[in-house]
Amino acid sequence: MDASPTPRSHGNDEDCATPPKPHVLVVPYPAQGHMLPLLDLVALLAKRGLSLTVAVTPGNAPLLAPLLASCPPLSVATVTLPFPHSSGLLPAGCGENTKDLPGHLFRPFMVSLAALRDPLLDWCNARRKRPSERVTAVVSDMFTGWTWPLAAELGVPHVTFSPSPAHYLAVSHSLWRRMPRRRHVIDDEDESVAFPDVPGSPIFPWRHLSGLFRQYVAGEEVSEAIRQFFLWNLESICFVANTSTAIEASYVDRPLPDLMGKKVLAVGPLSCAVERRTDRPAVAPASVGAWLDAFGDGAVLYVSFGTQVTLSPAQAARVADALAQSAAPFMWAAGSGTAVPEGFEAATSTRGMVVRGWAPQVEILRHRAVGWFLTHCGWNSVLEAVASGVAMLTWPMSADQFTNACLLAEAGVAVPVAEGADAMPDAGEMADVIASAIGDGGTSARERAAELGRSTAAAVAEGGSSYSDLEELVRMLA
């Protein structure tokens, strides 16, 4: 990648005669788990009077329709740029977001997006002499660190947004700063890596580290570009994270060396502060609610592994067997690609419901009957559970999910059942964990989850910590 430019202003005296109205360029990363929370943040900033433009490619533009419909008129615009298919890093026919993207293309996809920098710079420069349109700040996803040189070229502040918690933000950037390598010649996935500058000095096995980092090869184009993206993030004036001091105060209340001492503004859970419009669910929320009404408070286990994870037939069979053995009431959002064993639904019909396709997860988690959530620990799902006061059974599989599971365990609101995308948990052992959680053995975790839910709600309310950090961000960008 090019050497980092020195920030400078392009305006002449005539340009500077009229102070520009705050106009924020927002650059999302085209993955659902990244885009949705950043668009939630855009909606909140628009409602506080900021003018924003969101950069997208044609294939991702429809995702902005709900945002544009919910924001004040003329507060949010879009700039649509052709997807950089000509980067040479991706095969022909590759899509414009990570949905259905094969795993081996994730890294080159991430690097290919950096080719949008020059078209974006041209777009910004074309508006330099119009104070009402001039870009005055850039907010970008943590996977689009190539936007920092863009902001530096424009002479405007840059803010990095993290859809993940501050804990993962520190751990991931620590890796790219310190570049720890394995000590043993023979690869050992269990080899420990320490993070002395992260609060609590956590130690993780190699297999739990970011896949982006584990695949790093010194001198290789894609690897070096990704490292530079993360190092550029550290040049931002601050970080903004979809998290709350109610969840991880120790990670946001003091400067972290792994983030170069930059402040982390905890503005989440963003989904609590925004009326998010989502896809049409496979089952109407009213139907789900009517089914749950038949059960007592906290008696039901909700099972979902998110939109990006599809259990193998063998894994799905283990989950089904565990649910059958546990005798616990459950609702399983299996997704259209999950092979639920034949005969399972009929055998558990008096206490179980399987939803195929997209489920109204927030409505499910908020129902009084749901006491536990078996989850892959994707951060958006975690925040929805935390906000609903629901305890969790954790099966982290990749990315930030392992560190998220650790955070939940620290908070006392989670019990592990498995780990790893290839894990084959024992059905009998999983059934015992489920039965204990739904029964008396899970009382203390449910009580702590309920308290955490109340604290999280207070954080996003007026005067709360997340509300105040959002107001501080507005002042920085204005």
Protein backbone atom coordinates (compact mmCIF):
# COMPACT_ATOMS: atom_id res chain seq x y z
CA MET A 1 0.00 0.00 0.00
CA ASP A 2 1.08 3.63 -0.43
CA ALA A 3 2.82 5.39 2.42
CA SER A 4 0.50 7.26 4.74
CA PRO A 5 -0.13 10.82 3.51
CA THR A 6 0.13 13.86 5.69
CA PRO A 7 -3.29 15.39 6.43
CA ARG A 8 -3.73 18.71 4.68
CA SER A 9 -6.43 21.12 3.67
CA HIS A 10 -7.30 21.65 0.01
CA GLY A 11 -9.34 24.79 0.55
CA ASN A 12 -8.17 28.24 -0.62
CA ASP A 13 -9.06 31.51 1.08
CA GLU A 14 -12.21 31.91 -0.97
CA ASP A 15 -13.34 28.38 -0.13
CA CYS A 16 -12.81 28.99 3.59
CA ALA A 17 -14.79 32.25 3.65
CA THR A 18 -18.00 30.30 4.24
CA PRO A 19 -17.71 27.68 6.98
CA PRO A 20 -18.86 24.33 5.58
CA LYS A 21 -21.95 22.72 7.00
CA PRO A 22 -21.07 19.43 8.70
CA HIS A 23 -21.25 16.71 6.05
CA VAL A 24 -20.09 13.21 7.01
CA LEU A 25 -19.02 10.61 4.47
CA VAL A 26 -19.86 7.12 5.75
CA VAL A 27 -18.14 4.05 4.29
CA PRO A 28 -19.65 0.72 5.40
CA TYR A 29 -18.20 -2.74 4.92
CA PRO A 30 -20.64 -4.79 2.81
CA ALA A 31 -21.48 -7.58 5.26
CA GLN A 32 -24.84 -7.68 7.03
CA GLY A 33 -23.34 -7.83 10.52
CA HIS A 34 -21.25 -4.75 9.73
CA MET A 35 -23.70 -2.69 7.68
CA LEU A 36 -26.80 -2.86 9.88
CA PRO A 37 -25.27 -1.35 13.05
CA LEU A 38 -23.42 1.33 11.07
CA LEU A 39 -26.64 2.29 9.29
CA ASP A 40 -28.34 2.42 12.70
CA LEU A 41 -25.64 4.89 13.75
CA VAL A 42 -26.23 6.93 10.58
CA ALA A 43 -29.94 7.16 11.46
CA LEU A 44 -29.15 8.43 14.96
CA LEU A 45 -26.68 11.02 13.66
CA ALA A 46 -29.19 12.21 11.05
CA LYS A 47 -31.85 12.69 13.72
CA ARG A 48 -29.36 14.88 15.58
CA GLY A 49 -29.03 17.24 12.64
CA LEU A 50 -25.99 15.97 10.77
CA SER A 51 -25.92 15.64 7.00
CA LEU A 52 -24.50 12.30 5.85
CA THR A 53 -23.68 10.53 2.60
CA VAL A 54 -23.30 6.74 2.57
CA ALA A 55 -20.99 5.22 -0.05
CA VAL A 56 -22.24 1.97 -1.60
CA THR A 57 -21.94 -0.13 -4.74
CA PRO A 58 -25.02 -0.94 -6.87
CA GLY A 59 -25.50 -4.39 -5.41
CA ASN A 60 -25.68 -3.00 -1.87
CA ALA A 61 -27.76 0.11 -2.56
CA PRO A 62 -31.12 -1.61 -1.83
CA LEU A 63 -29.96 -2.24 1.75
CA LEU A 64 -30.17 1.50 2.36
CA ALA A 65 -33.86 1.80 1.50
CA PRO A 66 -35.10 1.29 5.10
CA LEU A 67 -32.57 3.84 6.37
CA LEU A 68 -33.55 6.48 3.82
CA ALA A 69 -37.24 5.96 4.61
CA SER A 70 -36.73 6.43 8.35
CA CYS A 71 -34.46 9.50 8.37
CA PRO A 72 -35.42 13.17 8.21
CA PRO A 73 -35.82 14.44 4.61
CA LEU A 74 -32.56 15.36 2.86
CA SER A 75 -30.45 14.32 5.88
CA VAL A 76 -28.99 11.16 4.30
CA ALA A 77 -27.85 10.76 0.70
CA THR A 78 -25.99 8.03 -1.14
CA VAL A 79 -23.07 7.93 -3.53
CA THR A 80 -23.16 4.78 -5.65
CA LEU A 81 -19.84 3.69 -7.13
CA PRO A 82 -19.16 0.73 -9.44
CA PHE A 83 -17.87 -2.30 -7.58
CA PRO A 84 -14.12 -2.71 -8.35
CA HIS A 85 -14.38 -6.04 -10.16
CA SER A 86 -11.25 -5.16 -12.14
CA SER A 87 -8.97 -5.39 -9.09
CA GLY A 88 -7.75 -8.78 -10.31
CA LEU A 89 -8.15 -10.31 -6.84
CA LEU A 90 -11.63 -11.76 -7.33
CA PRO A 91 -13.03 -14.21 -9.89
CA ALA A 92 -15.60 -13.12 -12.43
CA GLY A 93 -19.15 -13.21 -11.14
CA CYS A 94 -18.22 -12.54 -7.52
CA GLY A 95 -20.97 -10.68 -5.66
CA GLU A 96 -20.73 -7.26 -4.04
CA ASN A 97 -21.14 -8.34 -0.42
CA THR A 98 -20.10 -11.23 1.79
CA LYS A 99 -23.41 -13.07 1.55
CA ASP A 100 -22.63 -16.50 0.07
CA LEU A 101 -18.99 -15.47 -0.41
CA PRO A 102 -16.67 -18.53 -0.18
CA GLY A 103 -14.34 -18.31 2.80
CA HIS A 104 -11.17 -18.30 0.70
CA LEU A 105 -12.33 -15.10 -1.03
CA PHE A 106 -13.03 -13.10 2.12
CA ARG A 107 -9.53 -11.59 2.37
CA PRO A 108 -9.16 -10.63 -1.33
CA PHE A 109 -12.72 -9.23 -1.22
CA MET A 110 -11.74 -6.98 1.67
CA VAL A 111 -8.66 -5.72 -0.15
CA SER A 112 -10.49 -5.24 -3.46
CA LEU A 113 -12.74 -2.64 -1.86
CA ALA A 114 -9.74 -0.35 -1.37
CA ALA A 115 -9.93 0.40 -5.09
CA LEU A 116 -12.91 2.60 -4.23
CA ARG A 117 -10.61 5.11 -2.57
CA ASP A 118 -9.71 7.08 -5.71
CA PRO A 119 -13.31 7.31 -7.05
CA LEU A 120 -14.41 8.46 -3.60
CA LEU A 121 -11.64 11.05 -3.48
CA ASP A 122 -12.71 12.36 -6.90
CA TRP A 123 -16.31 12.58 -5.66
CA CYS A 124 -15.21 14.49 -2.56
CA ASN A 125 -12.95 16.87 -4.47
CA ALA A 126 -15.77 17.70 -6.87
CA ARG A 127 -17.68 19.11 -3.88
CA ARG A 128 -14.85 21.02 -2.21
CA LYS A 129 -15.96 24.43 -3.42
CA ARG A 130 -19.59 24.01 -2.38
CA PRO A 131 -19.78 24.57 1.40
CA SER A 132 -23.13 22.84 1.66
CA GLU A 133 -21.70 19.65 0.11
CA ARG A 134 -18.05 19.64 1.18
CA VAL A 135 -17.13 16.53 3.18
CA THR A 136 -16.05 17.57 6.67
CA ALA A 137 -15.47 14.14 8.29
CA VAL A 138 -15.23 10.46 7.39
CA VAL A 139 -16.70 7.58 9.42
CA SER A 140 -15.81 4.11 8.21
CA ASP A 141 -16.03 0.48 9.23
CA MET A 142 -12.99 -1.09 10.90
CA PHE A 143 -12.54 -3.30 7.80
CA THR A 144 -12.21 -0.26 5.53
CA GLY A 145 -9.13 1.31 7.08
CA TRP A 146 -8.06 2.45 3.60
CA THR A 147 -10.40 5.40 4.14
CA TRP A 148 -7.97 7.02 6.58
CA PRO A 149 -5.62 8.15 3.77
CA LEU A 150 -8.71 9.47 1.99
CA ALA A 151 -9.63 11.57 5.02
CA ALA A 152 -6.01 12.69 5.39
CA GLU A 153 -5.92 13.80 1.75
CA LEU A 154 -9.06 15.85 2.37
CA GLY A 155 -7.70 17.25 5.62
CA VAL A 156 -10.71 16.09 7.65
CA PRO A 157 -11.07 13.93 10.79
CA HIS A 158 -11.51 10.18 10.49
CA VAL A 159 -13.47 7.95 12.88
CA THR A 160 -13.36 4.14 12.88
CA PHE A 161 -16.60 2.30 13.63
CA SER A 162 -16.57 -1.17 15.15
CA PRO A 163 -19.63 -3.44 14.96
CA SER A 164 -17.79 -5.61 17.52
CA PRO A 165 -17.15 -4.91 21.20
CA ALA A 166 -14.24 -2.82 22.44
CA HIS A 167 -12.63 -5.98 23.83
CA TYR A 168 -12.33 -7.47 20.34
CA LEU A 169 -11.33 -4.10 18.92
CA ALA A 170 -8.33 -4.04 21.26
CA VAL A 171 -7.41 -7.71 20.74
CA SER A 172 -7.57 -7.53 16.94
CA HIS A 173 -5.50 -4.35 16.68
CA SER A 174 -3.02 -5.72 19.22
CA LEU A 175 -2.34 -8.61 16.83
CA TRP A 176 -1.55 -6.31 13.91
CA ARG A 177 0.62 -4.03 16.06
CA ARG A 178 2.61 -6.74 17.85
CA MET A 179 2.54 -9.45 15.15
CA PRO A 180 2.95 -12.43 17.53
CA ARG A 181 4.19 -15.56 15.79
CA ARG A 182 4.08 -19.20 16.81
CA ARG A 183 7.05 -20.40 18.83
CA HIS A 184 6.93 -23.99 17.61
CA VAL A 185 8.02 -25.27 14.23
CA ILE A 186 5.04 -27.63 14.13
CA ASP A 187 1.81 -25.67 13.92
CA ASP A 188 -0.09 -25.92 17.19
CA GLU A 189 -3.62 -24.55 17.16
CA ASP A 190 -3.64 -24.64 20.98
CA GLU A 191 -0.53 -22.51 21.39
CA SER A 192 -1.31 -19.61 23.72
CA VAL A 193 -1.08 -15.93 22.75
CA ALA A 194 -1.04 -13.36 25.54
CA PHE A 195 -2.46 -9.83 25.39
CA PRO A 196 -0.71 -8.03 28.27
CA ASP A 197 -2.04 -4.56 27.41
CA VAL A 198 -5.71 -5.61 27.29
CA PRO A 199 -7.51 -5.29 30.66
CA GLY A 200 -7.32 -8.59 32.49
CA SER A 201 -4.33 -9.68 30.34
CA PRO A 202 -6.31 -12.39 28.52
CA ILE A 203 -4.68 -15.40 26.91
CA PHE A 204 -6.25 -17.06 23.86
CA PRO A 205 -5.29 -20.19 21.95
CA TRP A 206 -4.09 -19.59 18.40
CA ARG A 207 -7.28 -21.11 16.95
CA HIS A 208 -9.39 -18.38 18.61
CA LEU A 209 -7.51 -15.52 16.98
CA SER A 210 -8.83 -13.56 14.02
CA GLY A 211 -8.77 -15.61 10.83
CA LEU A 212 -7.50 -12.53 8.99
CA PHE A 213 -4.43 -12.57 11.21
CA ARG A 214 -3.90 -16.33 11.27
CA GLN A 215 -3.73 -16.35 7.47
CA TYR A 216 -1.12 -13.58 7.35
CA VAL A 217 1.90 -14.32 5.15
CA ALA A 218 4.77 -11.83 5.31
CA GLY A 219 5.29 -10.03 2.00
CA GLU A 220 2.10 -11.34 0.41
CA GLU A 221 0.04 -8.55 -1.21
CA VAL A 222 -3.32 -9.28 0.41
CA SER A 223 -1.81 -9.95 3.85
CA GLU A 224 0.22 -6.75 3.90
CA ALA A 225 -2.74 -4.69 2.67
CA ILE A 226 -4.98 -5.99 5.46
CA ARG A 227 -2.35 -5.25 8.08
CA GLN A 228 -2.04 -1.70 6.75
CA PHE A 229 -5.82 -1.24 6.96
CA PHE A 230 -5.74 -2.03 10.68
CA LEU A 231 -2.72 0.18 11.30
CA TRP A 232 -4.48 3.05 9.52
CA ASN A 233 -7.45 2.60 11.86
CA LEU A 234 -5.13 3.55 14.70
CA GLU A 235 -4.65 7.00 13.11
CA SER A 236 -8.34 7.84 13.64
CA ILE A 237 -9.32 10.54 16.11
CA CYS A 238 -11.38 7.97 18.02
CA PHE A 239 -13.18 4.64 17.78
CA VAL A 240 -16.95 4.21 17.97
CA ALA A 241 -18.17 0.80 19.09
CA ASN A 242 -21.59 -0.82 19.12
CA THR A 243 -21.26 -1.68 22.79
CA SER A 244 -22.11 -0.33 26.22
CA THR A 245 -20.29 0.41 29.45
CA ALA A 246 -22.94 -1.79 31.06
CA ILE A 247 -21.30 -4.74 29.28
CA GLU A 248 -17.61 -3.85 29.17
CA ALA A 249 -16.82 -0.81 31.27
CA SER A 250 -13.21 -1.91 31.87
CA TYR A 251 -12.53 -1.78 28.12
CA VAL A 252 -13.97 1.66 27.39
CA ASP A 253 -13.46 3.67 30.58
CA ARG A 254 -9.72 4.07 30.10
CA PRO A 255 -7.34 4.49 27.15
CA LEU A 256 -6.04 1.18 25.76
CA PRO A 257 -2.42 0.99 24.53
CA ASP A 258 -3.44 -1.40 21.75
CA LEU A 259 -5.67 1.36 20.36
CA MET A 260 -2.90 3.96 20.73
CA GLY A 261 -4.77 5.48 23.66
CA LYS A 262 -7.57 6.68 21.40
CA LYS A 263 -10.96 7.04 23.05
CA VAL A 264 -13.60 4.38 22.47
CA LEU A 265 -17.10 5.86 22.37
CA ALA A 266 -19.57 3.16 23.43
CA VAL A 267 -22.86 4.09 21.72
CA GLY A 268 -24.74 0.78 21.80
CA PRO A 269 -26.70 -1.27 21.62
CA LEU A 270 -27.62 0.69 18.51
CA SER A 271 -30.54 -1.59 17.70
CA CYS A 272 -32.19 -0.45 20.95
CA ALA A 273 -32.17 3.18 19.85
CA VAL A 274 -33.44 2.67 16.30
CA GLU A 275 -36.66 1.24 14.93
CA ARG A 276 -34.97 -1.08 12.47
CA ARG A 277 -36.91 -2.28 9.43
CA THR A 278 -35.89 -5.81 8.51
CA ASP A 279 -36.79 -8.56 6.09
CA ARG A 280 -40.23 -10.12 6.27
CA PRO A 281 -40.01 -13.01 8.77
CA ALA A 282 -40.97 -16.56 7.83
CA VAL A 283 -43.40 -16.57 10.77
CA ALA A 284 -45.35 -13.49 11.86
CA PRO A 285 -44.29 -12.07 15.24
CA ALA A 286 -47.90 -12.35 16.43
CA SER A 287 -47.92 -16.09 15.70
CA VAL A 288 -44.61 -16.55 17.50
CA GLY A 289 -45.89 -14.57 20.47
CA ALA A 290 -49.11 -16.58 20.65
CA TRP A 291 -47.13 -19.82 20.75
CA LEU A 292 -44.78 -18.52 23.47
CA ASP A 293 -47.71 -17.28 25.56
CA ALA A 294 -48.46 -20.88 26.57
CA PHE A 295 -45.24 -21.15 28.59
CA GLY A 296 -44.13 -19.75 31.91
CA ASP A 297 -41.64 -16.94 32.45
CA GLY A 298 -38.12 -17.90 31.34
CA ALA A 299 -39.18 -21.47 30.50
CA VAL A 300 -38.25 -21.48 26.79
CA LEU A 301 -34.85 -21.90 25.10
CA TYR A 302 -34.44 -19.97 21.86
CA VAL A 303 -31.95 -21.53 19.40
CA SER A 304 -30.37 -19.64 16.50
CA PHE A 305 -26.94 -19.56 14.90
CA GLY A 306 -27.47 -16.42 12.82
CA THR A 307 -27.73 -15.82 9.11
CA GLN A 308 -24.12 -16.63 8.20
CA VAL A 309 -23.86 -20.05 9.89
CA THR A 310 -25.37 -23.26 8.58
CA LEU A 311 -24.98 -26.33 10.78
CA SER A 312 -23.84 -29.50 9.06
CA PRO A 313 -26.43 -32.30 9.02
CA ALA A 314 -24.47 -34.08 11.75
CA GLN A 315 -24.34 -30.95 13.94
CA ALA A 316 -28.04 -30.28 13.40
CA ALA A 317 -28.75 -33.87 14.44
CA ARG A 318 -26.77 -33.34 17.69
CA VAL A 319 -28.70 -30.17 18.48
CA ALA A 320 -32.03 -31.87 17.74
CA ASP A 321 -31.09 -34.87 19.89
CA ALA A 322 -30.05 -32.59 22.76
CA LEU A 323 -33.33 -30.65 22.56
CA ALA A 324 -35.30 -33.89 22.53
CA GLN A 325 -33.44 -35.30 25.54
CA SER A 326 -33.59 -32.09 27.57
CA ALA A 327 -37.40 -32.04 27.78
CA ALA A 328 -37.16 -28.22 27.70
CA PRO A 329 -39.58 -26.06 25.71
CA PHE A 330 -37.73 -24.53 22.76
CA MET A 331 -38.02 -22.42 19.63
CA TRP A 332 -35.41 -23.21 16.97
CA ALA A 333 -34.81 -20.70 14.16
CA ALA A 334 -33.17 -23.30 11.94
CA GLY A 335 -32.77 -21.25 8.78
CA SER A 336 -33.62 -22.53 5.34
CA GLY A 337 -30.27 -24.33 4.88
CA THR A 338 -30.25 -26.34 8.11
CA ALA A 339 -31.21 -30.01 7.80
CA VAL A 340 -33.54 -30.60 10.75
CA PRO A 341 -33.79 -34.40 11.23
CA GLU A 342 -36.91 -36.03 9.83
CA GLY A 343 -39.51 -36.74 12.48
CA PHE A 344 -38.00 -34.33 15.02
CA GLU A 345 -40.75 -31.72 14.79
CA ALA A 346 -43.53 -34.28 15.17
CA ALA A 347 -41.81 -35.86 18.17
CA THR A 348 -41.43 -32.52 20.00
CA SER A 349 -44.54 -30.70 18.74
CA THR A 350 -46.06 -30.23 22.23
CA ARG A 351 -43.11 -28.19 23.50
CA GLY A 352 -41.11 -27.16 20.45
CA MET A 353 -41.40 -24.92 17.39
CA VAL A 354 -39.04 -24.88 14.39
CA VAL A 355 -38.92 -21.71 12.28
CA ARG A 356 -37.43 -22.13 8.81
CA GLY A 357 -36.23 -18.93 7.18
CA TRP A 358 -35.76 -15.57 8.85
CA ALA A 359 -37.22 -15.38 12.39
CA PRO A 360 -38.37 -12.24 14.25
CA GLN A 361 -35.50 -12.60 16.70
CA VAL A 362 -35.92 -9.39 18.66
CA GLU A 363 -39.61 -10.10 19.30
CA ILE A 364 -38.75 -13.65 20.36
CA LEU A 365 -36.01 -12.59 22.77
CA ARG A 366 -38.19 -9.90 24.32
CA HIS A 367 -41.00 -12.33 25.13
CA ARG A 368 -41.25 -13.05 28.85
CA ALA A 369 -41.24 -16.83 28.22
CA VAL A 370 -37.74 -16.88 26.70
CA GLY A 371 -35.10 -17.31 29.38
CA TRP A 372 -32.12 -18.66 27.43
CA PHE A 373 -30.60 -18.30 23.99
CA LEU A 374 -28.34 -20.95 22.36
CA THR A 375 -26.20 -18.75 20.12
CA HIS A 376 -23.04 -18.64 18.00
CA CYS A 377 -22.17 -15.38 19.81
CA GLY A 378 -22.34 -13.06 16.82
CA TRP A 379 -22.21 -9.63 18.42
CA ASN A 380 -25.49 -8.32 17.01
CA SER A 381 -27.29 -11.39 18.40
CA VAL A 382 -25.48 -11.01 21.71
CA LEU A 383 -26.57 -7.38 22.03
CA GLU A 384 -30.17 -8.27 21.24
CA ALA A 385 -30.11 -10.91 23.96
CA VAL A 386 -28.41 -8.60 26.46
CA ALA A 387 -30.93 -5.84 25.79
CA SER A 388 -33.74 -8.36 26.31
CA GLY A 389 -32.31 -9.62 29.60
CA VAL A 390 -31.84 -13.16 28.27
CA ALA A 391 -29.00 -15.47 29.40
CA MET A 392 -27.02 -17.42 26.81
CA LEU A 393 -25.67 -20.88 26.04
CA THR A 394 -22.62 -20.24 23.87
CA TRP A 395 -21.24 -22.04 20.83
CA PRO A 396 -18.78 -19.58 19.25
CA MET A 397 -17.55 -20.56 15.79
CA SER A 398 -15.34 -17.86 14.26
CA ALA A 399 -14.22 -14.22 14.12
CA ASP A 400 -15.00 -12.22 17.27
CA GLN A 401 -17.34 -14.90 18.61
CA PHE A 402 -14.72 -16.52 20.86
CA THR A 403 -13.85 -13.26 22.62
CA ASN A 404 -17.56 -12.39 22.79
CA ALA A 405 -18.20 -15.66 24.62
CA CYS A 406 -15.45 -14.77 27.08
CA LEU A 407 -17.06 -11.39 27.75
CA LEU A 408 -20.40 -13.06 28.46
CA ALA A 409 -18.76 -15.53 30.83
CA GLU A 410 -17.06 -12.62 32.64
CA ALA A 411 -20.47 -11.00 33.05
CA GLY A 412 -21.93 -14.21 34.48
CA VAL A 413 -24.72 -14.41 31.91
CA ALA A 414 -23.54 -17.36 29.82
CA VAL A 415 -22.72 -21.07 29.97
CA PRO A 416 -20.57 -22.74 27.26
CA VAL A 417 -21.91 -25.76 25.38
CA ALA A 418 -19.43 -26.07 22.48
CA GLU A 419 -16.82 -24.12 20.50
CA GLY A 420 -15.60 -24.15 16.94
CA ALA A 421 -17.26 -24.38 13.54
CA ASP A 422 -16.43 -28.09 13.29
CA ALA A 423 -17.39 -29.02 16.84
CA MET A 424 -19.54 -32.12 17.36
CA PRO A 425 -20.90 -31.68 20.90
CA ASP A 426 -22.15 -34.71 22.81
CA ALA A 427 -25.95 -34.58 22.66
CA GLY A 428 -26.39 -36.00 26.15
CA GLU A 429 -24.02 -33.47 27.71
CA MET A 430 -25.68 -30.62 25.83
CA ALA A 431 -29.11 -31.84 26.99
CA ASP A 432 -27.91 -31.78 30.61
CA VAL A 433 -26.65 -28.18 30.24
CA ILE A 434 -29.97 -27.12 28.66
CA ALA A 435 -32.06 -28.81 31.38
CA SER A 436 -29.95 -27.26 34.14
CA ALA A 437 -30.12 -23.79 32.57
CA ILE A 438 -33.89 -23.85 32.16
CA GLY A 439 -34.23 -25.28 35.67
CA ASP A 440 -32.95 -24.10 39.03
CA GLY A 441 -29.33 -24.33 37.91
CA GLY A 442 -29.80 -21.33 35.64
CA THR A 443 -31.49 -19.00 38.11
CA SER A 444 -28.46 -16.89 39.01
CA ALA A 445 -27.42 -16.39 35.36
CA ARG A 446 -30.98 -15.38 34.43
CA GLU A 447 -31.05 -12.89 37.29
CA ARG A 448 -27.73 -11.37 36.20
CA ALA A 449 -28.95 -11.23 32.60
CA ALA A 450 -32.09 -9.40 33.69
CA GLU A 451 -30.00 -6.86 35.61
CA LEU A 452 -27.66 -6.41 32.65
CA GLY A 453 -30.69 -5.80 30.44
CA ARG A 454 -31.88 -3.03 32.76
CA SER A 455 -28.41 -1.45 32.83
CA THR A 456 -28.18 -1.57 29.05
CA ALA A 457 -31.58 0.09 28.66
CA ALA A 458 -30.48 2.84 31.04
CA ALA A 459 -27.30 3.38 29.00
CA VAL A 460 -29.18 4.23 25.78
CA ALA A 461 -31.80 6.36 27.54
CA GLU A 462 -31.34 10.13 27.76
CA GLY A 463 -28.54 10.86 30.22
CA GLY A 464 -27.14 7.32 30.00
CA SER A 465 -23.55 6.48 29.05
CA SER A 466 -24.29 5.40 25.47
CA TYR A 467 -26.54 8.43 24.94
CA SER A 468 -23.80 10.72 26.24
CA ASP A 469 -21.11 9.11 24.08
CA LEU A 470 -23.34 9.53 21.04
CA GLU A 471 -23.73 13.23 21.86
CA GLU A 472 -19.94 13.51 22.16
CA LEU A 473 -19.56 11.93 18.72
CA VAL A 474 -22.00 14.47 17.27
CA ARG A 475 -19.91 17.29 18.72
CA MET A 476 -16.75 15.79 17.20
CA LEU A 477 -18.35 15.55 13.77
CA ALA A 478 -20.20 18.87 13.81
